[in-house]
Amino acid sequence: MPRLTPCLGWIAASALLAAARVAAAQEPAAAQEPAAAEATQSLFDLFVAGGLLLWPIVIASIVMLVVTIERLVSLRRSIVVPGPFIKCFLTQIREGESQDGALVMCESETSHIAEVFEAGVRRWGKPAVEVEQAILDEGERSANRLRRNLRVINGVAQVCPLLGLLGTVVGMMKAFQQIAGADAMGRPESLAGGISEALLSTAAGLSVAIPALILYLHFVGRVDSLVMEIDRRGQELVHLISAEALSDRRGKRKNAA
């Protein structure tokens, strides 16, 4: 029995060493499980962690999406300045279409350029300055309609970063309140909530504001292009139906006869 004691001690020491090695090997795996669970965190969990200020950011993103779809449909070239109608209308005017016929063509079309043409046709035979002024006035009204709702997109682009910044401030205030507590010292997990809210609100605000700004600049450029097209076509109409243009055409016909 005295000889077996050292052997039993050696066996027990070996078993404890093996158990320690197994435990040490399992610790990294156990530490990776929370990280994996955190990596697979759902979108709803992120939304909840972001705090209440994520709600207005989400609402603003929905409003921006609706307005964007509406503007994409309303600012199509076929709706604002349809090429076939413009070509047919101006050709008919050059070929001697009457004022009544031109008005019927404009009233049968629902595009913006048709409304501008109608305003000019109603000044048929007037001096060029008067015809041009009528076209410019109606063109300005059409431009205002084309720019409708663009302020909403611009507002989303400006407000969302401020909401994200406010969320950052609120989250950092919570984090500092945790630091001020005696229980938070040496416990970084107690600060994770406030820091997470701060970062998520900032990221959400920028994620909505950046596309909103890009869309706003895109729509402003498209509206400017369409307004320039309306103005150019309006000037062509002035040179066809003004008193000076009609007088020149009658003179050319007399000379040709």
Foldseek 3Di string as FASTA:
>chain_A
DVVCVVVVVVVVVVVVVVVVVVVVVCVVVVVVVVVVVVVPDDPVVLVVLQDPLVVVLVVLLVVLVVLLVVLVVCLDCCQAPNPVLLVVLLVCLVVPDDLVRSLVSLVVHRHLLSQLVNQLSVCFAAALVVSLVSSVVSLVVVLVVSCPPLVSLVVLLPVLQVSLQVQLVQLVVCLVVLVPDPVNVPPCVSSVSSNSNNVSSNVSSNVRNVVSVVSSVVSVVSSVVSSVVSSVSSVSVSCRGYNVNVVVVVVVVVVVD
